Amino acid sequence: MTDIRRRAVSPRIQWQLEQQGLHPLLARIYAARGIVARSELDYEFQSLLPPTKLAHTAEAAVLLADAIARQARILIVADYDCDGATACALGIRALRAFGAEVDYLVPNRFTYGYGLSPDIVELAATTKRPDLIVTVDNGIASVEGVARARQLGIATLITDHHLPGDELPAADCIVNPNLPACSFPSKCLAGVGVMFYVMLALRAELRDRQWFSEASGRSEPKLASLLDLVALGTVADVVKLDHNNRVLVSQGLQRIRQGRLTPGLRAIFRAAGRNPAQASSLDLGFMIGPRLNAAGRLSDMSLGIECLITDDEGRAMNIAQQLDALNRERREIEAGMQEQALSQLAQAGGELAGEAATGAAVSLFNGDWHQGVVGIVAARIKEKLHRPVFAFARGEGGEIKGSGRSIPGLHLRDALDLVSKRAPGLLLRFGGHAMAAGVTMRETDFTRFRELFAQVADELLAAADRARTLETDGGLEAAYFSIATARLLEAEVWGQGFPAPLFEDEFVVESQRILQDKHLKLRLRKGMQILDAIQFNFAQAPGSSIRAAYRLAINDFNGVQTPQLMIEHIETRAA
């Protein structure tokens, strides 16, 4: 069952925002998201929290500046998702602009798994011979990997945003807003955001050393040119868009819309059929990010990183087309895996028609599933069932590797921590966030994990959290069903924790038809207005009168643009 609720709006706050110059519709939407003054929507670069507030950035800057000064070999070890790729590309571009000798290495997820493992350190020492390893979007749990680097005489700088475990690696320096002693107000920085802050601190340190003096002949790089990468990684990693992150995303989107973006990102926009001049946060999250992620899921994220660090337009376009092809292949694999997952649930008694699962959590395993796609399958099943979901694929040596997605009310990493404490040795490795996590265990322990994870979820999930709730911004006035309103909304910054506007209204269904056997195309009437609407992957056809939760969008067909409602939920009303 899905409960549609209107967000509470204070008429006084809404009026105040209007008086401060906000569009009336935006004033209502922002008031519902806790904004009380227009100053909270100041996304100028000066509004960014200073690097000095992020613990250990000064020490990281000294470590890097010393390495640059002595021409030491720096190696960035990246994660294989979009956040890791953008963080790596940002680091490569910035450090090279500072004059560093820098290279990168991305662990193959199928061979080495995640993070700075001892095996990756060995590989780095053999093939890259670094003096300093810098991790991006990983490393906070790499206790053994950092120890091995220390044994080999390799210094380590950890830049990460994941939650730390009970033991921290003995690195030369760690920068992570989630360290217990770090008082940085924005705990939700993505990995690319952390790396951007480290580069800001490094530039300040180099300034103090007169690195960019006239006598040196070196020019000072403009790090703002990298904000397109910061925006992409931040949105794609689905971190909470607090004010600081909204500043980063807004600044990046401004550069993208102005055409000041890296050649690789411009090429990916083109391959995706999107116009950078009209870029939105939804484009970054649902069109651009998945194409980069496809490289890490099916192949090697080095392909995505190369796309983001090249200045050759032709090479960038060639790689972008490869990424687009990988993304199409990923979608095909995902569709087959999702069908198999639904079949498993049906056999186990999952009540799909009622949008609920028989248990508090779901764990799925198929030995033929693709390791790189299980996270997407977990997300899709979570959306269908509104339950925490783990999906597992077979690894090597009798191990299985799973990726999980959660719902509000269950912190997934904390749940795994509780599982590990109740069954020591069950989980070989695990880590992640509140809403997404990964785990490795023995295949023979899957049934035990499934039962224990469901038990933990049952204890931690409140009854209210198990019901799907769609929060809306109420109805949309007739005058706002327009392309101008759609563009007004698209121009703002939306994302995790700061959701894009969702409206609800009652309509009469004038006509309906099915597209590609899975999408529902509708013509709706509200009063005297006739509106086009579409619901992707619909569950069942509606009756003649409906209540719908929808987003306002623009349909571009054969060069003709019209407003269109993107339906997220339909309830048939009594005739």
Protein backbone atom coordinates (compact mmCIF):
# COMPACT_ATOMS: atom_id res chain seq x y z
CA MET A 1 0.00 0.00 0.00
CA THR A 2 1.28 3.47 -0.87
CA ASP A 3 0.32 6.44 1.27
CA ILE A 4 0.33 9.82 -0.49
CA ARG A 5 0.93 12.71 1.88
CA ARG A 6 1.24 16.41 1.24
CA ARG A 7 4.27 18.10 2.71
CA ALA A 8 3.40 20.61 5.40
CA VAL A 9 3.90 24.22 4.35
CA SER A 10 3.90 27.20 6.69
CA PRO A 11 1.87 29.97 5.00
CA ARG A 12 3.94 32.54 6.89
CA ILE A 13 7.28 31.13 5.67
CA GLN A 14 5.93 30.80 2.13
CA TRP A 15 4.80 34.43 2.21
CA GLN A 16 8.17 35.56 3.56
CA LEU A 17 10.00 33.75 0.75
CA GLU A 18 7.71 35.36 -1.81
CA GLN A 19 8.41 38.76 -0.29
CA GLN A 20 12.13 38.04 -0.64
CA GLY A 21 11.66 37.66 -4.39
CA LEU A 22 11.09 33.94 -4.89
CA HIS A 23 8.63 32.73 -7.51
CA PRO A 24 5.36 31.81 -5.68
CA LEU A 25 5.58 28.14 -6.71
CA LEU A 26 9.22 27.88 -5.66
CA ALA A 27 8.40 29.64 -2.39
CA ARG A 28 5.81 26.96 -1.61
CA ILE A 29 8.15 24.11 -2.60
CA TYR A 30 11.12 25.44 -0.65
CA ALA A 31 9.05 26.21 2.44
CA ALA A 32 8.02 22.54 2.43
CA ARG A 33 11.73 21.57 2.49
CA GLY A 34 12.56 23.60 5.55
CA ILE A 35 13.92 26.70 3.82
CA VAL A 36 13.01 29.76 5.87
CA ALA A 37 15.07 32.49 4.18
CA ARG A 38 16.27 33.10 0.64
CA SER A 39 19.85 33.30 1.95
CA GLU A 40 19.69 29.50 2.38
CA LEU A 41 19.43 29.31 -1.40
CA ASP A 42 22.61 31.34 -1.90
CA TYR A 43 24.72 29.00 -3.99
CA GLU A 44 27.56 31.38 -4.80
CA PHE A 45 31.03 29.90 -4.46
CA GLN A 46 31.74 32.15 -1.45
CA SER A 47 29.01 30.27 0.44
CA LEU A 48 31.08 27.09 0.40
CA LEU A 49 32.41 25.93 3.77
CA PRO A 50 36.16 26.66 3.90
CA PRO A 51 38.70 23.78 3.63
CA THR A 52 40.15 24.76 7.02
CA LYS A 53 37.01 23.37 8.66
CA LEU A 54 37.59 19.88 7.21
CA ALA A 55 39.93 18.04 9.59
CA HIS A 56 43.44 17.18 8.37
CA THR A 57 43.20 18.97 5.00
CA ALA A 58 46.16 21.13 6.03
CA GLU A 59 48.25 18.03 6.83
CA ALA A 60 47.17 16.43 3.54
CA ALA A 61 48.20 19.59 1.69
CA VAL A 62 51.67 19.54 3.28
CA LEU A 63 52.08 15.85 2.42
CA LEU A 64 51.14 16.47 -1.21
CA ALA A 65 53.12 19.70 -1.55
CA ASP A 66 56.25 17.99 -0.23
CA ALA A 67 55.73 15.15 -2.72
CA ILE A 68 55.34 17.61 -5.60
CA ALA A 69 58.42 19.57 -4.54
CA ARG A 70 60.65 16.50 -4.56
CA GLN A 71 59.01 15.14 -7.74
CA ALA A 72 57.81 12.02 -5.96
CA ARG A 73 55.59 9.58 -7.82
CA ILE A 74 51.96 9.96 -6.69
CA LEU A 75 49.42 7.22 -7.42
CA ILE A 76 45.67 7.70 -7.03
CA VAL A 77 43.80 4.48 -6.17
CA ALA A 78 40.15 4.99 -7.10
CA ASP A 79 36.81 3.29 -6.59
CA TYR A 80 35.02 1.88 -9.62
CA ASP A 81 31.82 3.94 -9.50
CA CYS A 82 30.97 7.40 -10.82
CA ASP A 83 31.99 9.11 -7.58
CA GLY A 84 35.34 7.34 -7.62
CA ALA A 85 35.90 8.07 -11.30
CA THR A 86 35.15 11.78 -10.97
CA ALA A 87 37.26 12.04 -7.80
CA CYS A 88 40.16 10.34 -9.59
CA ALA A 89 39.83 12.52 -12.69
CA LEU A 90 39.64 15.65 -10.53
CA GLY A 91 42.78 14.59 -8.66
CA ILE A 92 44.67 13.80 -11.86
CA ARG A 93 43.74 17.10 -13.48
CA ALA A 94 44.46 19.23 -10.41
CA LEU A 95 47.73 17.54 -9.43
CA ARG A 96 49.09 17.68 -12.97
CA ALA A 97 48.16 21.36 -13.11
CA PHE A 98 50.17 21.82 -9.90
CA GLY A 99 53.17 20.12 -11.54
CA ALA A 100 52.91 16.70 -9.88
CA GLU A 101 53.98 13.39 -11.35
CA VAL A 102 50.74 11.47 -10.92
CA ASP A 103 49.15 8.30 -12.24
CA TYR A 104 46.11 6.25 -11.22
CA LEU A 105 45.00 2.68 -10.61
CA VAL A 106 41.45 1.32 -10.35
CA PRO A 107 40.98 -2.13 -8.83
CA ASN A 108 39.16 -4.51 -11.13
CA ARG A 109 36.06 -5.22 -9.05
CA PHE A 110 35.88 -8.83 -10.21
CA THR A 111 39.52 -9.65 -9.45
CA TYR A 112 40.54 -7.44 -6.54
CA GLY A 113 37.27 -6.23 -5.08
CA TYR A 114 36.87 -2.88 -3.38
CA GLY A 115 39.41 -0.57 -1.78
CA LEU A 116 43.11 -0.45 -1.05
CA SER A 117 43.70 -4.13 -0.39
CA PRO A 118 47.16 -5.65 0.19
CA ASP A 119 46.91 -7.20 -3.29
CA ILE A 120 46.31 -3.77 -4.86
CA VAL A 121 49.26 -2.34 -2.96
CA GLU A 122 51.42 -5.18 -4.29
CA LEU A 123 50.17 -4.53 -7.83
CA ALA A 124 50.83 -0.80 -7.46
CA ALA A 125 54.32 -1.36 -6.11
CA THR A 126 55.15 -3.69 -8.98
CA THR A 127 53.65 -1.76 -11.90
CA LYS A 128 53.59 1.90 -10.80
CA ARG A 129 56.32 2.15 -8.12
CA PRO A 130 54.65 5.01 -6.21
CA ASP A 131 56.18 7.00 -3.38
CA LEU A 132 52.75 8.16 -2.21
CA ILE A 133 49.36 6.46 -2.62
CA VAL A 134 46.27 8.68 -2.48
CA THR A 135 42.92 6.92 -2.19
CA VAL A 136 39.73 8.56 -3.42
CA ASP A 137 36.25 7.39 -2.39
CA ASN A 138 37.79 4.46 -0.52
CA GLY A 139 40.45 3.55 2.02
CA ILE A 140 38.83 4.23 5.39
CA ALA A 141 38.51 0.47 5.96
CA SER A 142 41.83 -0.49 4.34
CA VAL A 143 43.70 -1.36 7.51
CA GLU A 144 45.65 -4.24 5.98
CA GLY A 145 46.32 -2.44 2.70
CA VAL A 146 47.79 0.61 4.41
CA ALA A 147 49.89 -1.66 6.65
CA ARG A 148 51.29 -3.39 3.56
CA ALA A 149 52.08 -0.04 1.94
CA ARG A 150 53.93 1.01 5.08
CA GLN A 151 55.97 -2.21 4.96
CA LEU A 152 56.94 -1.38 1.38
CA GLY A 153 57.93 2.18 2.30
CA ILE A 154 54.98 3.78 0.48
CA ALA A 155 53.29 6.75 2.16
CA THR A 156 49.48 6.85 2.17
CA LEU A 157 46.88 9.62 2.12
CA ILE A 158 43.31 8.42 2.59
CA THR A 159 40.53 10.63 1.21
CA ASP A 160 37.14 9.03 1.76
CA HIS A 161 33.60 9.74 2.93
CA HIS A 162 32.42 6.30 4.00
CA LEU A 163 31.73 5.62 7.66
CA PRO A 164 34.83 4.43 9.54
CA GLY A 165 34.92 1.12 11.36
CA ASP A 166 36.23 0.41 14.85
CA GLU A 167 39.85 0.53 13.62
CA LEU A 168 41.34 3.22 11.39
CA PRO A 169 44.17 2.48 8.96
CA ALA A 170 47.60 3.73 10.08
CA ALA A 171 47.89 6.11 7.13
CA ASP A 172 50.14 9.16 7.03
CA CYS A 173 46.99 11.28 6.79
CA ILE A 174 43.23 10.67 6.62
CA VAL A 175 40.68 13.21 5.37
CA ASN A 176 37.12 12.11 5.93
CA PRO A 177 34.26 14.32 7.21
CA ASN A 178 32.89 11.30 9.07
CA LEU A 179 35.93 10.79 11.28
CA PRO A 180 34.78 10.92 14.92
CA ALA A 181 36.96 13.96 15.71
CA CYS A 182 36.03 15.91 12.57
CA SER A 183 33.67 18.82 13.21
CA PHE A 184 33.08 19.66 9.53
CA PRO A 185 29.39 20.71 9.36
CA SER A 186 28.71 18.94 6.05
CA LYS A 187 29.05 15.23 6.78
CA CYS A 188 27.53 14.30 3.42
CA LEU A 189 30.38 15.18 1.07
CA ALA A 190 30.82 12.67 -1.73
CA GLY A 191 34.26 11.24 -2.39
CA VAL A 192 34.78 13.76 -5.19
CA GLY A 193 33.78 16.55 -2.79
CA VAL A 194 36.41 15.44 -0.27
CA MET A 195 39.07 15.37 -3.00
CA PHE A 196 38.03 18.84 -4.18
CA TYR A 197 38.52 20.17 -0.66
CA VAL A 198 41.97 18.56 -0.44
CA MET A 199 42.94 20.21 -3.72
CA LEU A 200 41.72 23.60 -2.43
CA ALA A 201 43.90 23.14 0.65
CA LEU A 202 46.85 22.06 -1.49
CA ARG A 203 46.57 25.17 -3.63
CA ALA A 204 46.58 27.33 -0.48
CA GLU A 205 49.70 25.51 0.78
CA LEU A 206 51.48 25.97 -2.55
CA ARG A 207 50.57 29.66 -2.51
CA ASP A 208 52.21 29.99 0.92
CA ARG A 209 55.32 28.35 -0.54
CA GLN A 210 55.39 30.88 -3.40
CA TRP A 211 54.93 28.00 -5.83
CA PHE A 212 53.11 30.26 -8.26
CA SER A 213 55.44 33.26 -8.00
CA GLU A 214 56.49 35.14 -11.13
CA ALA A 215 60.02 33.82 -10.70
CA SER A 216 58.74 30.22 -10.79
CA GLY A 217 57.05 30.70 -14.14
CA ARG A 218 54.13 28.57 -12.95
CA SER A 219 50.55 29.73 -13.36
CA GLU A 220 47.98 29.08 -10.65
CA PRO A 221 45.23 26.72 -11.85
CA LYS A 222 41.56 27.62 -11.44
CA LEU A 223 40.06 24.74 -9.52
CA ALA A 224 36.56 26.03 -10.31
CA SER A 225 37.09 24.50 -13.75
CA LEU A 226 36.70 21.08 -12.08
CA LEU A 227 33.29 21.77 -10.55
CA ASP A 228 31.50 19.95 -13.39
CA LEU A 229 33.16 16.75 -12.14
CA VAL A 230 32.26 17.57 -8.53
CA ALA A 231 28.61 18.10 -9.45
CA LEU A 232 28.41 14.85 -11.40
CA GLY A 233 30.03 12.69 -8.71
CA THR A 234 27.99 14.28 -5.93
CA VAL A 235 24.64 13.74 -7.64
CA ALA A 236 25.49 10.27 -8.97
CA ASP A 237 26.56 9.01 -5.53
CA VAL A 238 23.14 9.96 -4.12
CA VAL A 239 24.58 11.70 -1.06
CA LYS A 240 22.33 14.06 0.87
CA LEU A 241 22.21 17.48 -0.77
CA ASP A 242 22.71 19.69 2.26
CA HIS A 243 23.47 23.36 1.61
CA ASN A 244 27.18 22.81 1.04
CA ASN A 245 26.58 20.04 -1.48
CA ARG A 246 23.92 22.14 -3.22
CA VAL A 247 26.52 24.89 -3.62
CA LEU A 248 28.92 22.42 -5.25
CA VAL A 249 26.23 21.00 -7.56
CA SER A 250 24.83 24.42 -8.46
CA GLN A 251 28.27 25.77 -9.34
CA GLY A 252 29.01 22.70 -11.43
CA LEU A 253 25.69 22.87 -13.27
CA GLN A 254 26.28 26.55 -14.04
CA ARG A 255 29.57 25.70 -15.72
CA ILE A 256 28.00 22.84 -17.65
CA ARG A 257 25.14 25.02 -18.90
CA GLN A 258 27.63 27.69 -19.96
CA GLY A 259 29.55 25.13 -22.03
CA ARG A 260 32.58 25.22 -19.72
CA LEU A 261 32.84 21.49 -19.12
CA THR A 262 35.56 18.92 -19.66
CA PRO A 263 35.68 17.38 -23.16
CA GLY A 264 34.81 13.95 -21.77
CA LEU A 265 31.72 15.15 -19.99
CA ARG A 266 30.63 17.08 -23.08
CA ALA A 267 31.05 13.90 -25.13
CA ILE A 268 28.97 11.83 -22.69
CA PHE A 269 26.18 14.43 -22.86
CA ARG A 270 26.26 14.12 -26.63
CA ALA A 271 26.26 10.31 -26.55
CA ALA A 272 23.28 10.43 -24.20
CA GLY A 273 21.41 12.81 -26.52
CA ARG A 274 21.28 15.55 -23.90
CA ASN A 275 22.00 19.25 -24.32
CA PRO A 276 24.49 20.57 -21.73
CA ALA A 277 22.93 24.05 -22.03
CA GLN A 278 19.77 22.64 -20.42
CA ALA A 279 21.50 20.29 -17.98
CA SER A 280 19.74 19.48 -14.72
CA SER A 281 20.64 17.45 -11.66
CA LEU A 282 18.30 14.74 -13.01
CA ASP A 283 20.44 14.53 -16.16
CA LEU A 284 23.55 13.97 -14.04
CA GLY A 285 21.88 11.30 -11.91
CA PHE A 286 19.91 9.37 -14.51
CA MET A 287 21.60 9.99 -17.88
CA ILE A 288 25.29 10.81 -17.41
CA GLY A 289 26.15 8.96 -14.19
CA PRO A 290 24.85 5.56 -15.38
CA ARG A 291 27.01 5.71 -18.50
CA LEU A 292 30.13 6.18 -16.43
CA ASN A 293 29.03 3.55 -13.92
CA ALA A 294 28.53 1.06 -16.75
CA ALA A 295 32.30 0.94 -17.27
CA GLY A 296 32.89 -0.08 -13.66
CA ARG A 297 29.99 -2.54 -13.66
CA LEU A 298 30.79 -4.45 -16.84
CA SER A 299 34.36 -3.62 -17.82
CA ASP A 300 37.06 -1.39 -16.35
CA MET A 301 36.44 2.05 -14.85
CA SER A 302 39.75 3.14 -16.34
CA LEU A 303 37.73 3.67 -19.50
CA GLY A 304 35.52 6.20 -17.73
CA ILE A 305 38.48 7.94 -16.09
CA GLU A 306 40.30 8.23 -19.41
CA CYS A 307 37.21 9.88 -20.84
CA LEU A 308 37.22 12.46 -18.05
CA ILE A 309 40.94 13.29 -18.12
CA THR A 310 41.54 13.56 -21.87
CA ASP A 311 41.57 16.96 -23.55
CA ASP A 312 41.30 15.38 -27.00
CA GLU A 313 37.71 15.94 -28.20
CA GLY A 314 37.87 13.09 -30.70
CA ARG A 315 39.20 10.57 -28.19
CA ALA A 316 36.62 11.71 -25.64
CA MET A 317 33.80 11.12 -28.14
CA ASN A 318 35.15 7.69 -29.03
CA ILE A 319 35.24 6.65 -25.37
CA ALA A 320 31.82 8.18 -24.69
CA GLN A 321 30.34 6.01 -27.44
CA GLN A 322 31.93 2.94 -25.84
CA LEU A 323 30.43 3.93 -22.49
CA ASP A 324 27.03 4.35 -24.13
CA ALA A 325 27.27 0.86 -25.64
CA LEU A 326 28.24 -0.59 -22.25
CA ASN A 327 25.25 1.11 -20.68
CA ARG A 328 22.91 -0.46 -23.23
CA GLU A 329 24.46 -3.85 -22.51
CA ARG A 330 24.05 -3.22 -18.77
CA ARG A 331 20.35 -2.49 -19.23
CA GLU A 332 19.84 -5.76 -21.11
CA ILE A 333 21.64 -7.77 -18.41
CA GLU A 334 19.71 -5.96 -15.70
CA ALA A 335 16.35 -6.71 -17.33
CA GLY A 336 17.06 -10.44 -17.37
CA MET A 337 18.32 -10.47 -13.79
CA GLN A 338 15.32 -8.50 -12.57
CA GLU A 339 12.95 -10.98 -14.19
CA GLN A 340 14.78 -13.85 -12.46
CA ALA A 341 14.66 -11.99 -9.14
CA LEU A 342 10.90 -11.50 -9.41
CA SER A 343 10.54 -15.18 -10.24
CA GLN A 344 12.48 -16.09 -7.09
CA LEU A 345 10.23 -13.88 -5.01
CA ALA A 346 7.07 -15.32 -6.53
CA GLN A 347 8.25 -18.84 -5.71
CA ALA A 348 9.08 -17.76 -2.16
CA GLY A 349 5.65 -16.18 -1.67
CA GLY A 350 6.48 -12.50 -2.13
CA GLU A 351 3.23 -10.54 -2.37
CA LEU A 352 4.20 -8.48 -5.40
CA ALA A 353 0.70 -7.34 -6.21
CA GLY A 354 0.39 -5.75 -2.79
CA GLU A 355 3.79 -4.06 -3.08
CA ALA A 356 4.99 -5.87 0.02
CA ALA A 357 7.29 -8.72 0.88
CA THR A 358 6.42 -11.40 3.36
CA GLY A 359 9.46 -10.54 5.50
CA ALA A 360 11.06 -7.36 6.77
CA ALA A 361 13.97 -7.72 4.33
CA VAL A 362 14.80 -9.61 1.15
CA SER A 363 18.01 -11.43 0.16
CA LEU A 364 18.40 -12.90 -3.31
CA PHE A 365 21.15 -15.03 -4.86
CA ASN A 366 21.73 -16.47 -8.30
CA GLY A 367 25.03 -18.05 -9.27
CA ASP A 368 24.67 -16.81 -12.84
CA TRP A 369 24.08 -13.17 -11.99
CA HIS A 370 26.59 -10.49 -13.00
CA GLN A 371 28.54 -9.08 -10.04
CA GLY A 372 28.51 -5.59 -11.50
CA VAL A 373 24.74 -5.38 -11.83
CA VAL A 374 23.45 -6.84 -8.56
CA GLY A 375 23.30 -3.37 -6.97
CA ILE A 376 20.88 -2.14 -9.62
CA VAL A 377 18.72 -5.25 -9.24
CA ALA A 378 18.63 -4.71 -5.47
CA ALA A 379 17.52 -1.12 -6.07
CA ARG A 380 14.76 -2.16 -8.49
CA ILE A 381 13.37 -4.82 -6.15
CA LYS A 382 13.57 -2.39 -3.22
CA GLU A 383 11.47 0.07 -5.23
CA LYS A 384 8.87 -2.60 -5.99
CA LEU A 385 8.60 -4.06 -2.50
CA HIS A 386 9.59 -1.15 -0.25
CA ARG A 387 11.87 -3.44 1.72
CA PRO A 388 15.65 -3.50 2.28
CA VAL A 389 17.13 -5.80 -0.38
CA PHE A 390 20.45 -7.56 -0.93
CA ALA A 391 21.24 -9.24 -4.25
CA PHE A 392 24.22 -11.62 -4.49
CA ALA A 393 26.30 -12.99 -7.35
CA ARG A 394 28.91 -15.74 -7.25
CA GLY A 395 32.52 -14.65 -6.80
CA GLU A 396 35.63 -16.80 -6.61
CA GLY A 397 36.83 -19.36 -4.10
CA GLY A 398 33.39 -20.22 -2.80
CA GLU A 399 32.53 -16.60 -2.03
CA ILE A 400 29.49 -14.58 -3.02
CA LYS A 401 29.37 -10.80 -3.28
CA GLY A 402 26.25 -8.81 -2.55
CA SER A 403 25.05 -5.27 -2.96
CA GLY A 404 22.23 -3.89 -0.86
CA ARG A 405 19.78 -1.00 -0.97
CA SER A 406 17.68 0.19 1.94
CA ILE A 407 14.59 2.22 2.73
CA PRO A 408 14.22 5.15 5.16
CA GLY A 409 14.29 3.81 8.70
CA LEU A 410 17.02 1.18 8.26
CA HIS A 411 20.69 2.20 8.21
CA LEU A 412 22.10 -0.57 6.05
CA ARG A 413 25.71 -0.46 7.22
CA ASP A 414 24.61 -0.41 10.86
CA ALA A 415 22.37 -3.40 10.17
CA LEU A 416 25.33 -5.30 8.68
CA ASP A 417 27.45 -4.36 11.69
CA LEU A 418 24.80 -5.86 13.96
CA VAL A 419 24.68 -9.02 11.82
CA SER A 420 28.47 -9.34 12.05
CA LYS A 421 28.40 -8.96 15.85
CA ARG A 422 25.69 -11.59 16.25
CA ALA A 423 27.41 -14.03 13.90
CA PRO A 424 31.18 -13.46 14.06
CA GLY A 425 32.90 -14.67 10.91
CA LEU A 426 29.71 -14.76 8.84
CA LEU A 427 30.57 -11.59 6.92
CA LEU A 428 34.04 -11.69 5.41
CA ARG A 429 33.93 -8.03 4.38
CA PHE A 430 31.31 -5.30 4.43
CA GLY A 431 30.93 -1.54 4.23
CA GLY A 432 28.82 1.26 2.88
CA HIS A 433 26.27 3.93 3.78
CA ALA A 434 22.83 4.22 5.31
CA MET A 435 21.08 3.47 2.01
CA ALA A 436 23.62 1.33 0.14
CA ALA A 437 26.16 -1.25 1.22
CA GLY A 438 28.23 -4.18 0.00
CA VAL A 439 29.07 -7.49 1.64
CA THR A 440 31.17 -10.59 0.87
CA MET A 441 30.63 -13.99 2.47
CA ARG A 442 30.84 -17.71 1.78
CA GLU A 443 28.17 -19.14 -0.50
CA THR A 444 27.36 -21.80 2.07
CA ASP A 445 26.38 -19.05 4.54
CA PHE A 446 23.77 -17.38 2.32
CA THR A 447 20.73 -18.97 3.98
CA ARG A 448 22.02 -18.05 7.42
CA PHE A 449 22.63 -14.46 6.32
CA ARG A 450 19.18 -14.20 4.74
CA GLU A 451 17.50 -15.26 7.97
CA LEU A 452 19.67 -13.11 10.24
CA PHE A 453 19.43 -10.00 8.05
CA ALA A 454 15.63 -10.33 7.96
CA GLN A 455 15.61 -10.72 11.74
CA VAL A 456 17.76 -7.59 12.25
CA ALA A 457 15.63 -5.60 9.82
CA ASP A 458 12.49 -6.72 11.62
CA GLU A 459 13.90 -5.40 14.89
CA LEU A 460 15.15 -2.09 13.50
CA LEU A 461 12.32 -1.14 11.14
CA ALA A 462 9.40 0.64 12.76
CA ALA A 463 5.93 -0.28 11.53
CA ALA A 464 5.48 3.16 9.97
CA ASP A 465 8.69 2.74 7.95
CA ARG A 466 7.38 -0.40 6.25
CA ALA A 467 4.61 1.48 4.49
CA ARG A 468 5.62 3.28 1.33
CA THR A 469 5.02 7.01 1.63
CA LEU A 470 5.03 9.45 -1.26
CA GLU A 471 5.40 13.02 -0.09
CA THR A 472 3.98 15.55 -2.55
CA ASP A 473 3.87 19.30 -2.93
CA GLY A 474 0.12 19.29 -3.36
CA GLY A 475 -1.75 20.19 -6.51
CA LEU A 476 -0.45 22.24 -9.41
CA GLU A 477 -2.49 25.23 -10.49
CA ALA A 478 -3.72 25.25 -14.08
CA ALA A 479 -1.45 28.12 -15.13
CA TYR A 480 1.63 26.11 -14.12
CA PHE A 481 1.10 23.22 -16.55
CA SER A 482 3.61 24.74 -18.95
CA ILE A 483 7.07 24.39 -20.44
CA ALA A 484 8.11 27.57 -18.63
CA THR A 485 7.24 26.04 -15.25
CA ALA A 486 9.00 22.79 -16.12
CA ARG A 487 12.16 24.72 -17.00
CA LEU A 488 11.85 26.81 -13.84
CA LEU A 489 11.86 23.62 -11.75
CA GLU A 490 14.60 21.89 -13.75
CA ALA A 491 16.92 24.87 -13.25
CA GLU A 492 16.95 24.35 -9.47
CA VAL A 493 19.16 21.87 -7.60
CA TRP A 494 17.37 18.72 -6.43
CA GLY A 495 18.57 15.38 -5.14
CA GLN A 496 18.83 13.07 -2.15
CA GLY A 497 17.46 14.77 0.97
CA PHE A 498 16.24 17.72 -1.13
CA PRO A 499 13.75 16.02 -3.45
CA ALA A 500 12.55 17.31 -6.77
CA PRO A 501 8.94 18.58 -6.71
CA LEU A 502 6.25 15.92 -6.84
CA PHE A 503 2.65 17.02 -7.29
CA GLU A 504 -0.70 15.29 -6.90
CA ASP A 505 -4.07 15.90 -8.53
CA GLU A 506 -7.24 14.12 -9.59
CA PHE A 507 -7.80 13.58 -13.32
CA VAL A 508 -10.25 12.06 -15.74
CA VAL A 509 -8.60 9.53 -18.07
CA GLU A 510 -9.54 10.49 -21.62
CA SER A 511 -7.47 7.74 -23.27
CA GLN A 512 -4.70 5.27 -22.51
CA ARG A 513 -2.42 2.96 -24.47
CA ILE A 514 0.56 0.73 -23.78
CA LEU A 515 4.00 1.45 -25.27
CA GLN A 516 6.64 -1.26 -25.71
CA ASP A 517 4.54 -3.63 -23.57
CA LYS A 518 5.56 -1.85 -20.33
CA HIS A 519 4.88 1.91 -20.42
CA LEU A 520 1.46 3.53 -20.02
CA LYS A 521 0.71 6.57 -22.20
CA LEU A 522 -2.24 8.66 -21.00
CA ARG A 523 -4.28 11.67 -21.98
CA LEU A 524 -5.72 13.23 -18.85
CA ARG A 525 -8.27 15.95 -18.23
CA LYS A 526 -8.29 18.30 -15.28
CA GLY A 527 -11.12 20.77 -15.55
CA MET A 528 -10.86 22.17 -19.07
CA GLN A 529 -7.21 21.20 -19.55
CA ILE A 530 -6.05 18.16 -21.54
CA LEU A 531 -2.61 16.89 -20.49
CA ASP A 532 -0.25 14.22 -21.81
CA ALA A 533 1.21 11.83 -19.24
CA ILE A 534 3.33 8.71 -19.11
CA GLN A 535 4.00 6.08 -16.45
CA PHE A 536 7.08 3.92 -17.01
CA ASN A 537 6.95 0.23 -16.09
CA PHE A 538 3.35 0.48 -14.95
CA ALA A 539 1.81 -2.24 -12.80
CA GLN A 540 -1.83 -2.08 -13.91
CA ALA A 541 -4.09 0.04 -16.09
CA PRO A 542 -6.15 2.65 -14.22
CA GLY A 543 -9.87 3.30 -14.31
CA SER A 544 -11.58 6.34 -15.78
CA SER A 545 -10.94 8.59 -12.77
CA ILE A 546 -7.61 8.67 -10.98
CA ARG A 547 -5.53 10.35 -8.32
CA ALA A 548 -1.95 10.63 -9.50
CA ALA A 549 1.41 11.69 -8.07
CA TYR A 550 3.52 13.17 -10.86
CA ARG A 551 6.44 15.35 -11.88
CA LEU A 552 6.17 18.09 -14.47
CA ALA A 553 8.54 17.53 -17.40
CA ILE A 554 9.06 18.40 -21.07
CA ASN A 555 8.38 15.95 -23.87
CA ASP A 556 10.57 16.62 -26.91
CA PHE A 557 9.20 14.74 -29.93
CA ASN A 558 10.41 15.50 -33.45
CA GLY A 559 11.62 18.89 -32.30
CA VAL A 560 8.26 19.86 -30.80
CA GLN A 561 8.27 20.46 -27.05
CA THR A 562 5.17 20.05 -24.89
CA PRO A 563 4.59 19.75 -21.14
CA GLN A 564 4.17 16.18 -19.93
CA LEU A 565 3.35 14.59 -16.59
CA MET A 566 5.73 11.85 -15.43
CA ILE A 567 3.46 9.64 -13.33
CA GLU A 568 5.01 8.01 -10.26
CA HIS A 569 1.86 6.57 -8.70
CA ILE A 570 -1.77 6.10 -9.69
CA GLU A 571 -4.84 5.35 -7.59
CA THR A 572 -8.12 4.62 -9.33
CA ARG A 573 -10.97 6.66 -7.86
CA ALA A 574 -14.53 5.48 -7.50
CA ALA A 575 -16.66 6.53 -10.48
